[in-house]
Amino acid sequence: MALYRFRVTFEDYDDVSREVDIKSTQTFADLHHAIHQSIGFNPDYSSSFYISNDQWTKGEEIAFKPNERKANRGITLMENAKLSNFIDDPHQKFYYTSNFERPFDFHVELVKILDETPGTSYPATVRSSGEPPKQFGNVYNTTVATAANEDFDFLNEMEYNPEETEDFEEVSESGGSSREEGDDSENHEEDEFGGDFSDDDFSDDENRSGRGRNDDY
């Protein structure tokens, strides 16, 4: 009996890969569970394989626990889909999405067609490389970290730098600011100074005009 060897890699984690051997007569549901077992994920969530080309473009969908809309459309179910019925290329590719609520995307590629080894239970993981991400841990930690950062930023916004207090105006007993009072006193001094000049100019004009009249006499 023919045996398929699939290389499975995370789309966003190139250094994590698994190779899984599975019988040609087994189903996509068997492959789905084998992939999850190889990376330590819980398989009991809605997922789908898509027949793909070399550019990993999604084609026909083969679903596990589809939603009502997909089920009503008559989508192909993994448990009813034998692998050999969808393999027409020695390097057949499938795009695979696990758990649509918290999705991870995979590239699944047929790399070898072998003969079954007697006494071996299939599917079987034959090669493993890299540590997979946590299925849910990253989402939880990100949420907690975000909330903590928001609280921290809020507290920071409530604080101020003591050095910045120089920019605050001190309020005087009369209710005005010290800066305003200083401006008023400066303006007052300028007015008095300016007034002195005005008086001097006026006196000089009188003296000049007086001298002119005396000269006429």
N, C-alpha and C. Protein backbone atom coordinates (compact mmCIF):
# COMPACT_ATOMS: atom_id res chain seq x y z
N MET A 1 0.85 -1.21 0.00
CA MET A 1 0.00 0.00 0.00
C MET A 1 0.88 1.25 0.00
N ALA A 2 0.47 2.26 -0.79
CA ALA A 2 1.25 3.49 -0.89
C ALA A 2 1.19 4.29 0.40
N LEU A 3 2.31 4.95 0.67
CA LEU A 3 2.42 5.78 1.87
C LEU A 3 2.85 7.18 1.44
N TYR A 4 2.16 8.17 1.95
CA TYR A 4 2.50 9.56 1.63
C TYR A 4 3.33 10.16 2.76
N ARG A 5 4.38 10.87 2.38
CA ARG A 5 5.14 11.66 3.37
C ARG A 5 4.92 13.14 3.07
N PHE A 6 4.34 13.83 4.05
CA PHE A 6 4.07 15.26 3.92
C PHE A 6 5.03 16.06 4.79
N ARG A 7 5.57 17.13 4.23
CA ARG A 7 6.33 18.10 5.03
C ARG A 7 5.36 19.22 5.41
N VAL A 8 5.30 19.51 6.69
CA VAL A 8 4.37 20.51 7.22
C VAL A 8 5.18 21.63 7.86
N THR A 9 4.97 22.87 7.40
CA THR A 9 5.68 24.02 7.96
C THR A 9 4.69 25.13 8.27
N PHE A 10 4.97 25.87 9.35
CA PHE A 10 4.19 27.07 9.66
C PHE A 10 4.48 28.13 8.61
N GLU A 11 3.46 28.83 8.19
CA GLU A 11 3.69 29.90 7.21
C GLU A 11 4.53 31.03 7.81
N ASP A 12 4.34 31.33 9.11
CA ASP A 12 5.04 32.44 9.75
C ASP A 12 6.23 32.02 10.60
N TYR A 13 6.52 30.73 10.65
CA TYR A 13 7.65 30.22 11.43
C TYR A 13 8.41 29.21 10.57
N ASP A 14 9.29 29.73 9.73
CA ASP A 14 9.97 28.88 8.75
C ASP A 14 10.87 27.84 9.38
N ASP A 15 11.31 28.08 10.61
CA ASP A 15 12.26 27.16 11.24
C ASP A 15 11.56 25.99 11.93
N VAL A 16 10.23 25.97 11.89
CA VAL A 16 9.47 24.88 12.53
C VAL A 16 8.87 24.01 11.44
N SER A 17 9.21 22.73 11.44
CA SER A 17 8.68 21.82 10.42
C SER A 17 8.50 20.42 11.00
N ARG A 18 7.59 19.69 10.38
CA ARG A 18 7.35 18.30 10.73
C ARG A 18 7.18 17.50 9.44
N GLU A 19 7.58 16.23 9.50
CA GLU A 19 7.30 15.33 8.38
C GLU A 19 6.45 14.18 8.90
N VAL A 20 5.35 13.95 8.21
CA VAL A 20 4.35 12.99 8.66
C VAL A 20 4.13 11.95 7.57
N ASP A 21 4.21 10.68 7.94
CA ASP A 21 3.86 9.58 7.02
C ASP A 21 2.42 9.15 7.29
N ILE A 22 1.66 8.96 6.21
CA ILE A 22 0.26 8.59 6.34
C ILE A 22 -0.15 7.73 5.14
N LYS A 23 -1.04 6.79 5.37
CA LYS A 23 -1.48 5.90 4.29
C LYS A 23 -2.32 6.67 3.26
N SER A 24 -2.20 6.27 2.03
CA SER A 24 -2.96 6.92 0.96
C SER A 24 -4.46 6.72 1.13
N THR A 25 -4.84 5.67 1.84
CA THR A 25 -6.26 5.38 2.04
C THR A 25 -6.85 6.11 3.26
N GLN A 26 -6.01 6.77 4.02
CA GLN A 26 -6.50 7.51 5.18
C GLN A 26 -7.06 8.86 4.73
N THR A 27 -7.70 9.56 5.65
CA THR A 27 -8.45 10.77 5.29
C THR A 27 -7.72 12.04 5.72
N PHE A 28 -8.26 13.16 5.27
CA PHE A 28 -7.73 14.45 5.71
C PHE A 28 -7.95 14.67 7.20
N ALA A 29 -8.98 14.06 7.76
CA ALA A 29 -9.18 14.15 9.21
C ALA A 29 -8.02 13.46 9.94
N ASP A 30 -7.54 12.35 9.40
CA ASP A 30 -6.38 11.67 9.99
C ASP A 30 -5.14 12.55 9.90
N LEU A 31 -4.96 13.21 8.77
CA LEU A 31 -3.81 14.10 8.60
C LEU A 31 -3.93 15.31 9.53
N HIS A 32 -5.13 15.84 9.65
CA HIS A 32 -5.40 16.97 10.56
C HIS A 32 -4.99 16.62 11.99
N HIS A 33 -5.41 15.47 12.49
CA HIS A 33 -5.07 15.06 13.84
C HIS A 33 -3.57 14.77 13.97
N ALA A 34 -2.97 14.21 12.94
CA ALA A 34 -1.54 13.90 12.99
C ALA A 34 -0.70 15.17 13.07
N ILE A 35 -1.09 16.20 12.32
CA ILE A 35 -0.35 17.48 12.36
C ILE A 35 -0.45 18.08 13.75
N HIS A 36 -1.65 18.10 14.33
CA HIS A 36 -1.83 18.68 15.66
C HIS A 36 -1.07 17.90 16.72
N GLN A 37 -1.06 16.60 16.59
CA GLN A 37 -0.31 15.79 17.56
C GLN A 37 1.18 16.07 17.46
N SER A 38 1.68 16.30 16.26
CA SER A 38 3.12 16.52 16.07
C SER A 38 3.60 17.85 16.64
N ILE A 39 2.70 18.82 16.76
CA ILE A 39 3.10 20.14 17.27
C ILE A 39 2.48 20.44 18.64
N GLY A 40 1.71 19.49 19.17
CA GLY A 40 1.16 19.67 20.52
C GLY A 40 -0.03 20.58 20.59
N PHE A 41 -0.81 20.71 19.52
CA PHE A 41 -2.00 21.55 19.49
C PHE A 41 -3.25 20.70 19.76
N ASN A 42 -4.28 21.36 20.27
CA ASN A 42 -5.58 20.72 20.42
C ASN A 42 -6.28 20.74 19.06
N PRO A 43 -6.71 19.57 18.54
CA PRO A 43 -7.27 19.52 17.19
C PRO A 43 -8.78 19.80 17.10
N ASP A 44 -9.43 20.03 18.23
CA ASP A 44 -10.89 20.08 18.24
C ASP A 44 -11.46 21.45 17.89
N TYR A 45 -10.92 22.08 16.85
CA TYR A 45 -11.39 23.38 16.41
C TYR A 45 -11.57 23.39 14.89
N SER A 46 -12.48 24.22 14.45
CA SER A 46 -12.77 24.31 13.02
C SER A 46 -11.51 24.64 12.23
N SER A 47 -11.22 23.81 11.22
CA SER A 47 -10.00 23.96 10.42
C SER A 47 -10.29 23.54 8.98
N SER A 48 -9.38 23.89 8.07
CA SER A 48 -9.59 23.53 6.66
C SER A 48 -8.28 23.32 5.92
N PHE A 49 -8.28 22.33 5.03
CA PHE A 49 -7.26 22.19 4.00
C PHE A 49 -7.80 22.81 2.72
N TYR A 50 -6.87 23.37 1.92
CA TYR A 50 -7.24 23.91 0.60
C TYR A 50 -6.28 23.30 -0.43
N ILE A 51 -6.82 22.74 -1.48
CA ILE A 51 -5.96 22.28 -2.57
C ILE A 51 -5.24 23.50 -3.13
N SER A 52 -3.92 23.40 -3.28
CA SER A 52 -3.12 24.58 -3.59
C SER A 52 -2.18 24.32 -4.77
N ASN A 53 -1.66 25.43 -5.31
CA ASN A 53 -0.66 25.33 -6.37
C ASN A 53 0.71 25.71 -5.81
N ASP A 54 1.69 25.90 -6.67
CA ASP A 54 3.04 26.21 -6.22
C ASP A 54 3.15 27.57 -5.54
N GLN A 55 2.18 28.44 -5.79
CA GLN A 55 2.17 29.77 -5.16
C GLN A 55 1.33 29.79 -3.88
N TRP A 56 0.90 28.63 -3.43
CA TRP A 56 0.09 28.48 -2.22
C TRP A 56 -1.21 29.25 -2.31
N THR A 57 -1.80 29.25 -3.48
CA THR A 57 -3.11 29.86 -3.68
C THR A 57 -4.19 28.88 -3.26
N LYS A 58 -5.18 29.35 -2.52
CA LYS A 58 -6.23 28.47 -2.02
C LYS A 58 -7.19 28.07 -3.14
N GLY A 59 -7.46 26.75 -3.20
CA GLY A 59 -8.44 26.22 -4.15
C GLY A 59 -9.60 25.60 -3.40
N GLU A 60 -9.99 24.41 -3.82
CA GLU A 60 -11.11 23.72 -3.18
C GLU A 60 -10.84 23.50 -1.70
N GLU A 61 -11.87 23.71 -0.88
CA GLU A 61 -11.73 23.61 0.57
C GLU A 61 -12.23 22.26 1.07
N ILE A 62 -11.51 21.69 2.04
CA ILE A 62 -11.88 20.44 2.70
C ILE A 62 -11.90 20.74 4.19
N ALA A 63 -13.06 20.66 4.83
CA ALA A 63 -13.26 21.27 6.15
C ALA A 63 -13.43 20.26 7.28
N PHE A 64 -13.04 20.72 8.47
CA PHE A 64 -13.26 20.00 9.72
C PHE A 64 -14.11 20.90 10.62
N LYS A 65 -15.26 20.39 11.07
CA LYS A 65 -16.22 21.16 11.87
C LYS A 65 -16.54 22.50 11.21
N PRO A 66 -17.08 22.47 9.99
CA PRO A 66 -17.38 23.73 9.30
C PRO A 66 -18.53 24.47 9.98
N ASN A 67 -18.60 25.79 9.75
CA ASN A 67 -19.73 26.55 10.27
C ASN A 67 -20.98 26.24 9.45
N GLU A 68 -22.12 26.78 9.89
CA GLU A 68 -23.40 26.44 9.27
C GLU A 68 -23.45 26.86 7.80
N ARG A 69 -22.88 28.00 7.50
CA ARG A 69 -22.90 28.50 6.11
C ARG A 69 -22.16 27.54 5.19
N LYS A 70 -20.98 27.09 5.61
CA LYS A 70 -20.21 26.15 4.79
C LYS A 70 -20.92 24.80 4.69
N ALA A 71 -21.49 24.35 5.81
CA ALA A 71 -22.19 23.06 5.80
C ALA A 71 -23.38 23.08 4.85
N ASN A 72 -24.12 24.19 4.85
CA ASN A 72 -25.28 24.32 3.96
C ASN A 72 -24.88 24.37 2.50
N ARG A 73 -23.65 24.79 2.26
CA ARG A 73 -23.14 24.87 0.90
C ARG A 73 -22.68 23.51 0.40
N GLY A 74 -22.65 22.52 1.28
CA GLY A 74 -22.25 21.17 0.89
C GLY A 74 -20.77 21.00 0.76
N ILE A 75 -20.02 21.69 1.64
CA ILE A 75 -18.56 21.61 1.57
C ILE A 75 -18.08 20.19 1.87
N THR A 76 -16.95 19.81 1.27
CA THR A 76 -16.37 18.48 1.51
C THR A 76 -15.83 18.41 2.93
N LEU A 77 -16.16 17.34 3.64
CA LEU A 77 -15.71 17.14 5.02
C LEU A 77 -14.45 16.30 5.05
N MET A 78 -13.55 16.64 5.98
CA MET A 78 -12.28 15.91 6.08
C MET A 78 -12.48 14.43 6.32
N GLU A 79 -13.43 14.09 7.18
CA GLU A 79 -13.62 12.69 7.52
C GLU A 79 -14.14 11.85 6.35
N ASN A 80 -14.65 12.53 5.33
CA ASN A 80 -15.17 11.82 4.15
C ASN A 80 -14.22 11.90 2.95
N ALA A 81 -13.09 12.58 3.12
CA ALA A 81 -12.19 12.84 1.99
C ALA A 81 -10.93 11.99 2.10
N LYS A 82 -10.82 10.95 1.27
CA LYS A 82 -9.64 10.10 1.25
C LYS A 82 -8.51 10.84 0.55
N LEU A 83 -7.32 10.77 1.11
CA LEU A 83 -6.17 11.51 0.58
C LEU A 83 -5.90 11.19 -0.89
N SER A 84 -5.93 9.92 -1.26
CA SER A 84 -5.58 9.51 -2.62
C SER A 84 -6.50 10.13 -3.67
N ASN A 85 -7.70 10.52 -3.28
CA ASN A 85 -8.64 11.12 -4.23
C ASN A 85 -8.28 12.57 -4.57
N PHE A 86 -7.34 13.16 -3.84
CA PHE A 86 -6.98 14.56 -4.05
C PHE A 86 -5.49 14.72 -4.38
N ILE A 87 -4.81 13.63 -4.68
CA ILE A 87 -3.39 13.67 -5.03
C ILE A 87 -3.24 13.36 -6.52
N ASP A 88 -2.87 14.38 -7.29
CA ASP A 88 -2.62 14.15 -8.72
C ASP A 88 -1.26 14.71 -9.13
N ASP A 89 -0.41 15.00 -8.15
CA ASP A 89 0.91 15.57 -8.41
C ASP A 89 1.87 14.97 -7.38
N PRO A 90 3.05 14.51 -7.80
CA PRO A 90 4.01 13.93 -6.84
C PRO A 90 4.51 14.94 -5.80
N HIS A 91 4.23 16.21 -6.04
CA HIS A 91 4.57 17.26 -5.06
C HIS A 91 3.31 18.08 -4.73
N GLN A 92 2.21 17.38 -4.58
CA GLN A 92 0.93 18.03 -4.30
C GLN A 92 1.04 18.92 -3.05
N LYS A 93 0.43 20.10 -3.13
CA LYS A 93 0.48 21.06 -2.03
C LYS A 93 -0.93 21.33 -1.51
N PHE A 94 -0.98 21.53 -0.19
CA PHE A 94 -2.22 21.94 0.47
C PHE A 94 -1.93 23.10 1.41
N TYR A 95 -2.77 24.12 1.32
CA TYR A 95 -2.71 25.22 2.29
C TYR A 95 -3.64 24.83 3.42
N TYR A 96 -3.17 24.97 4.65
CA TYR A 96 -3.93 24.46 5.79
C TYR A 96 -4.07 25.54 6.86
N THR A 97 -5.30 25.79 7.31
CA THR A 97 -5.57 26.75 8.39
C THR A 97 -6.17 26.02 9.57
N SER A 98 -5.52 26.15 10.71
CA SER A 98 -5.98 25.51 11.94
C SER A 98 -6.66 26.51 12.85
N ASN A 99 -7.89 26.21 13.27
CA ASN A 99 -8.65 27.02 14.24
C ASN A 99 -8.87 28.44 13.74
N PHE A 100 -9.97 28.67 13.08
CA PHE A 100 -10.26 29.97 12.47
C PHE A 100 -10.43 31.10 13.49
N GLU A 101 -10.72 30.75 14.74
CA GLU A 101 -10.85 31.79 15.76
C GLU A 101 -9.49 32.33 16.19
N ARG A 102 -8.51 31.45 16.27
CA ARG A 102 -7.13 31.84 16.58
C ARG A 102 -6.22 31.14 15.58
N PRO A 103 -6.23 31.59 14.33
CA PRO A 103 -5.66 30.78 13.25
C PRO A 103 -4.13 30.73 13.22
N PHE A 104 -3.66 29.55 12.83
CA PHE A 104 -2.28 29.35 12.39
C PHE A 104 -2.36 28.76 10.98
N ASP A 105 -1.53 29.26 10.09
CA ASP A 105 -1.54 28.79 8.70
C ASP A 105 -0.30 27.94 8.44
N PHE A 106 -0.50 26.90 7.62
CA PHE A 106 0.57 25.94 7.33
C PHE A 106 0.67 25.69 5.83
N HIS A 107 1.86 25.30 5.42
CA HIS A 107 2.10 24.77 4.09
C HIS A 107 2.33 23.26 4.23
N VAL A 108 1.53 22.49 3.52
CA VAL A 108 1.61 21.03 3.58
C VAL A 108 1.96 20.52 2.18
N GLU A 109 3.12 19.89 2.05
CA GLU A 109 3.60 19.47 0.74
C GLU A 109 3.96 17.99 0.74
N LEU A 110 3.49 17.30 -0.27
CA LEU A 110 3.86 15.90 -0.47
C LEU A 110 5.31 15.86 -0.96
N VAL A 111 6.18 15.16 -0.24
CA VAL A 111 7.59 15.13 -0.61
C VAL A 111 8.05 13.75 -1.08
N LYS A 112 7.32 12.69 -0.66
CA LYS A 112 7.70 11.34 -1.08
C LYS A 112 6.47 10.43 -1.10
N ILE A 113 6.54 9.45 -2.00
CA ILE A 113 5.55 8.37 -2.00
C ILE A 113 6.33 7.08 -1.73
N LEU A 114 6.03 6.43 -0.63
CA LEU A 114 6.81 5.30 -0.14
C LEU A 114 5.94 4.05 -0.05
N ASP A 115 6.60 2.97 0.33
CA ASP A 115 5.89 1.74 0.66
C ASP A 115 5.70 1.66 2.17
N GLU A 116 4.58 1.14 2.55
CA GLU A 116 4.27 1.02 3.97
C GLU A 116 5.23 0.04 4.65
N THR A 117 5.67 0.40 5.84
CA THR A 117 6.52 -0.47 6.65
C THR A 117 5.64 -1.35 7.54
N PRO A 118 5.71 -2.66 7.39
CA PRO A 118 4.87 -3.55 8.20
C PRO A 118 5.09 -3.33 9.69
N GLY A 119 4.02 -3.39 10.44
CA GLY A 119 4.11 -3.26 11.89
C GLY A 119 4.13 -1.83 12.38
N THR A 120 4.12 -0.84 11.50
CA THR A 120 4.13 0.57 11.90
C THR A 120 2.70 1.12 11.91
N SER A 121 2.40 1.88 12.93
CA SER A 121 1.08 2.50 13.05
C SER A 121 1.11 3.87 12.37
N TYR A 122 0.14 4.14 11.52
CA TYR A 122 0.08 5.41 10.78
C TYR A 122 -1.24 6.13 11.09
N PRO A 123 -1.16 7.47 11.03
CA PRO A 123 -0.03 8.34 10.66
C PRO A 123 1.06 8.35 11.73
N ALA A 124 2.27 8.71 11.28
CA ALA A 124 3.42 8.74 12.18
C ALA A 124 4.31 9.93 11.85
N THR A 125 4.78 10.63 12.88
CA THR A 125 5.73 11.73 12.69
C THR A 125 7.12 11.14 12.59
N VAL A 126 7.80 11.39 11.46
CA VAL A 126 9.10 10.77 11.23
C VAL A 126 10.26 11.76 11.34
N ARG A 127 9.95 13.04 11.33
CA ARG A 127 11.00 14.05 11.46
C ARG A 127 10.40 15.30 12.09
N SER A 128 11.15 15.91 13.02
CA SER A 128 10.68 17.09 13.72
C SER A 128 11.81 18.11 13.86
N SER A 129 11.50 19.36 13.54
CA SER A 129 12.51 20.42 13.63
C SER A 129 11.86 21.71 14.15
N GLY A 130 12.48 22.30 15.15
CA GLY A 130 12.01 23.59 15.66
C GLY A 130 10.92 23.45 16.72
N GLU A 131 10.84 24.47 17.57
CA GLU A 131 9.85 24.51 18.64
C GLU A 131 8.64 25.33 18.17
N PRO A 132 7.45 24.72 18.14
CA PRO A 132 6.27 25.45 17.66
C PRO A 132 5.82 26.51 18.66
N PRO A 133 5.11 27.53 18.22
CA PRO A 133 4.56 28.53 19.14
C PRO A 133 3.45 27.93 19.98
N LYS A 134 3.06 28.63 21.04
CA LYS A 134 1.95 28.18 21.86
C LYS A 134 0.64 28.41 21.12
N GLN A 135 -0.27 27.45 21.23
CA GLN A 135 -1.53 27.56 20.50
C GLN A 135 -2.37 28.73 20.98
N PHE A 136 -2.41 28.96 22.30
CA PHE A 136 -3.22 30.04 22.86
C PHE A 136 -2.42 30.96 23.78
N GLY A 137 -1.27 30.50 24.27
CA GLY A 137 -0.51 31.26 25.25
C GLY A 137 -0.14 32.64 24.78
N ASN A 138 0.27 32.80 23.50
CA ASN A 138 0.71 34.09 23.00
C ASN A 138 -0.41 35.11 23.01
N VAL A 139 -1.62 34.65 22.69
CA VAL A 139 -2.77 35.57 22.65
C VAL A 139 -3.06 36.08 24.04
N TYR A 140 -3.08 35.17 25.05
CA TYR A 140 -3.38 35.56 26.43
C TYR A 140 -2.33 36.51 26.95
N ASN A 141 -1.06 36.18 26.76
CA ASN A 141 0.02 37.01 27.28
C ASN A 141 0.00 38.39 26.65
N THR A 142 -0.29 38.45 25.35
CA THR A 142 -0.34 39.75 24.67
C THR A 142 -1.44 40.61 25.24
N THR A 143 -2.61 39.99 25.53
CA THR A 143 -3.73 40.74 26.08
C THR A 143 -3.38 41.31 27.44
N VAL A 144 -2.79 40.47 28.31
CA VAL A 144 -2.43 40.91 29.65
C VAL A 144 -1.38 42.01 29.59
N ALA A 145 -0.37 41.82 28.74
CA ALA A 145 0.70 42.82 28.62
C ALA A 145 0.15 44.14 28.12
N THR A 146 -0.77 44.09 27.18
CA THR A 146 -1.36 45.32 26.64
C THR A 146 -2.11 46.07 27.71
N ALA A 147 -2.92 45.32 28.52
CA ALA A 147 -3.68 45.95 29.60
C ALA A 147 -2.75 46.57 30.62
N ALA A 148 -1.66 45.86 30.96
CA ALA A 148 -0.70 46.39 31.94
C ALA A 148 -0.04 47.65 31.42
N ASN A 149 0.33 47.66 30.15
CA ASN A 149 0.97 48.83 29.56
C ASN A 149 0.03 50.02 29.55
N GLU A 150 -1.27 49.76 29.27
CA GLU A 150 -2.24 50.85 29.26
C GLU A 150 -2.36 51.47 30.64
N ASP A 151 -2.40 50.62 31.70
CA ASP A 151 -2.47 51.15 33.06
C ASP A 151 -1.22 51.95 33.39
N PHE A 152 -0.07 51.44 32.98
CA PHE A 152 1.20 52.12 33.26
C PHE A 152 1.24 53.49 32.58
N ASP A 153 0.81 53.52 31.33
CA ASP A 153 0.82 54.78 30.60
C ASP A 153 -0.14 55.77 31.23
N PHE A 154 -1.29 55.28 31.72
CA PHE A 154 -2.25 56.17 32.35
C PHE A 154 -1.67 56.79 33.60
N LEU A 155 -0.96 55.99 34.41
CA LEU A 155 -0.34 56.52 35.61
C LEU A 155 0.73 57.53 35.27
N ASN A 156 1.50 57.26 34.23
CA ASN A 156 2.54 58.19 33.83
C ASN A 156 1.96 59.53 33.41
N GLU A 157 0.80 59.47 32.76
CA GLU A 157 0.17 60.70 32.31
C GLU A 157 -0.27 61.55 33.49
N MET A 158 -0.54 60.91 34.64
CA MET A 158 -0.99 61.64 35.82
C MET A 158 0.17 62.30 36.54
N GLU A 159 1.40 61.90 36.26
CA GLU A 159 2.57 62.46 36.92
C GLU A 159 3.12 63.63 36.11
N TYR A 160 3.90 64.47 36.79
CA TYR A 160 4.57 65.55 36.08
C TYR A 160 5.98 65.70 36.62
N ASN A 161 6.82 66.29 35.84
CA ASN A 161 8.21 66.48 36.20
C ASN A 161 8.34 67.73 37.06
N PRO A 162 8.95 67.64 38.25
CA PRO A 162 9.10 68.83 39.10
C PRO A 162 9.79 69.97 38.40
N GLU A 163 10.70 69.66 37.45
CA GLU A 163 11.39 70.72 36.75
C GLU A 163 10.45 71.56 35.90
N GLU A 164 9.31 70.94 35.54
CA GLU A 164 8.37 71.67 34.71
C GLU A 164 7.56 72.68 35.49
N THR A 165 7.67 72.67 36.84
CA THR A 165 6.87 73.59 37.64
C THR A 165 7.29 75.03 37.43
N GLU A 166 8.49 75.24 36.86
CA GLU A 166 8.92 76.61 36.58
C GLU A 166 8.00 77.29 35.59
N ASP A 167 7.34 76.46 34.77
CA ASP A 167 6.45 77.04 33.76
C ASP A 167 5.11 77.44 34.34
N PHE A 168 4.81 77.01 35.57
CA PHE A 168 3.55 77.37 36.18
C PHE A 168 3.65 78.76 36.79
N GLU A 169 2.61 79.55 36.67
CA GLU A 169 2.59 80.89 37.24
C GLU A 169 2.12 80.83 38.68
N GLU A 170 2.81 81.51 39.57
CA GLU A 170 2.40 81.53 40.96
C GLU A 170 1.25 82.51 41.11
N VAL A 171 0.29 82.11 41.89
CA VAL A 171 -0.90 82.94 42.10
C VAL A 171 -0.68 83.83 43.30
N SER A 172 -0.88 85.09 43.11
CA SER A 172 -0.69 86.03 44.22
C SER A 172 -1.92 86.07 45.10
N GLU A 173 -1.80 86.74 46.26
CA GLU A 173 -2.91 86.81 47.18
C GLU A 173 -4.09 87.54 46.57
N SER A 174 -3.85 88.43 45.68
CA SER A 174 -4.94 89.20 45.05
C SER A 174 -5.64 88.41 43.97
N GLY A 175 -5.11 87.22 43.64
CA GLY A 175 -5.77 86.38 42.64
C GLY A 175 -5.09 86.45 41.31
N GLY A 176 -4.21 87.41 41.08
CA GLY A 176 -3.50 87.52 39.83
C GLY A 176 -2.20 86.76 39.89
N SER A 177 -1.58 86.54 38.75
CA SER A 177 -0.32 85.81 38.74
C SER A 177 0.82 86.77 38.97
N SER A 178 1.93 86.21 39.46
CA SER A 178 3.10 87.04 39.71
C SER A 178 3.64 87.60 38.41
N ARG A 179 3.48 86.84 37.30
CA ARG A 179 3.96 87.32 36.02
C ARG A 179 3.15 88.53 35.57
N GLU A 180 1.81 88.43 35.79
CA GLU A 180 0.97 89.56 35.40
C GLU A 180 1.30 90.79 36.20
N GLU A 181 1.54 90.57 37.55
CA GLU A 181 1.88 91.71 38.39
C GLU A 181 3.19 92.33 37.94
N GLY A 182 4.17 91.46 37.59
CA GLY A 182 5.46 91.97 37.12
C GLY A 182 5.29 92.76 35.86
N ASP A 183 4.45 92.30 34.95
CA ASP A 183 4.23 93.02 33.71
C ASP A 183 3.59 94.36 33.98
N ASP A 184 2.63 94.41 34.94
CA ASP A 184 1.96 95.67 35.24
C ASP A 184 2.94 96.67 35.82
N SER A 185 3.83 96.21 36.74
CA SER A 185 4.78 97.13 37.35
C SER A 185 5.76 97.65 36.32
N GLU A 186 6.17 96.76 35.40
CA GLU A 186 7.08 97.22 34.35
C GLU A 186 6.41 98.25 33.47
N ASN A 187 5.15 97.98 33.11
CA ASN A 187 4.43 98.93 32.27
C ASN A 187 4.26 100.26 32.99
N HIS A 188 4.00 100.16 34.34
CA HIS A 188 3.82 101.38 35.12
C HIS A 188 5.09 102.19 35.14
N GLU A 189 6.24 101.49 35.33
CA GLU A 189 7.51 102.20 35.34
C GLU A 189 7.78 102.84 34.00
N GLU A 190 7.47 102.12 32.93
CA GLU A 190 7.68 102.70 31.61
C GLU A 190 6.81 103.92 31.40
N ASP A 191 5.56 103.85 31.91
CA ASP A 191 4.66 105.00 31.76
C ASP A 191 5.20 106.20 32.51
N GLU A 192 5.70 105.94 33.76
CA GLU A 192 6.25 107.06 34.53
C GLU A 192 7.49 107.61 33.86
N PHE A 193 8.29 106.69 33.37
CA PHE A 193 9.52 107.15 32.71
C PHE A 193 9.19 107.93 31.46
N GLY A 194 8.22 107.32 30.74
CA GLY A 194 7.79 108.00 29.53
C GLY A 194 7.14 109.33 29.84
N GLY A 195 6.39 109.38 31.00
CA GLY A 195 5.75 110.62 31.40
C GLY A 195 6.79 111.67 31.72
N ASP A 196 7.89 111.27 32.37
CA ASP A 196 8.94 112.24 32.69
C ASP A 196 9.51 112.86 31.43
N PHE A 197 9.72 112.01 30.47
CA PHE A 197 10.23 112.54 29.21
C PHE A 197 9.24 113.49 28.60
N SER A 198 7.97 113.16 28.70
CA SER A 198 6.94 114.03 28.11
C SER A 198 6.93 115.37 28.80
N ASP A 199 7.05 115.38 30.16
CA ASP A 199 7.07 116.64 30.89
C ASP A 199 8.29 117.45 30.51
N ASP A 200 9.45 116.76 30.41
CA ASP A 200 10.67 117.49 30.04
C ASP A 200 10.52 118.11 28.68
N ASP A 201 9.97 117.34 27.76
CA ASP A 201 9.82 117.88 26.41
C ASP A 201 8.89 119.06 26.42
N PHE A 202 7.84 118.97 27.23
CA PHE A 202 6.88 120.07 27.28
C PHE A 202 7.51 121.29 27.88
N SER A 203 8.30 121.14 28.98
CA SER A 203 8.99 122.26 29.63
C SER A 203 9.97 122.91 28.67
N ASP A 204 10.70 122.08 27.94
CA ASP A 204 11.67 122.63 26.99
C ASP A 204 10.98 123.46 25.93
N ASP A 205 9.80 122.96 25.50
CA ASP A 205 9.08 123.72 24.49
C ASP A 205 8.66 125.06 25.02
N GLU A 206 8.19 125.08 26.32
CA GLU A 206 7.80 126.35 26.92
C GLU A 206 8.97 127.30 27.03
N ASN A 207 10.13 126.78 27.45
CA ASN A 207 11.32 127.63 27.60
C ASN A 207 11.75 128.20 26.27
N ARG A 208 11.70 127.28 25.24
CA ARG A 208 12.10 127.77 23.94
C ARG A 208 11.14 128.83 23.42
N SER A 209 9.86 128.56 23.68
CA SER A 209 8.88 129.55 23.20
C SER A 209 9.00 130.84 23.97
N GLY A 210 9.32 130.73 25.31
CA GLY A 210 9.50 131.95 26.13
C GLY A 210 10.69 132.76 25.68
N ARG A 211 11.77 132.03 25.38
CA ARG A 211 12.97 132.75 24.94
C ARG A 211 12.70 133.46 23.63
N GLY A 212 11.87 132.84 22.82
CA GLY A 212 11.57 133.49 21.55
C GLY A 212 10.82 134.77 21.74
N ARG A 213 9.87 134.78 22.68
CA ARG A 213 9.07 135.98 22.92
C ARG A 213 9.94 137.06 23.52
N ASN A 214 10.86 136.69 24.41
CA ASN A 214 11.73 137.69 25.02
C ASN A 214 12.64 138.31 23.97
N ASP A 215 13.05 137.46 23.04
CA ASP A 215 13.94 138.01 22.01
C ASP A 215 13.20 139.01 21.15
N ASP A 216 11.88 138.74 20.95
CA ASP A 216 11.13 139.70 20.14
C ASP A 216 11.01 141.02 20.85
N TYR A 217 10.86 140.93 22.17
CA TYR A 217 10.80 142.19 22.90
C TYR A 217 12.18 142.77 23.02
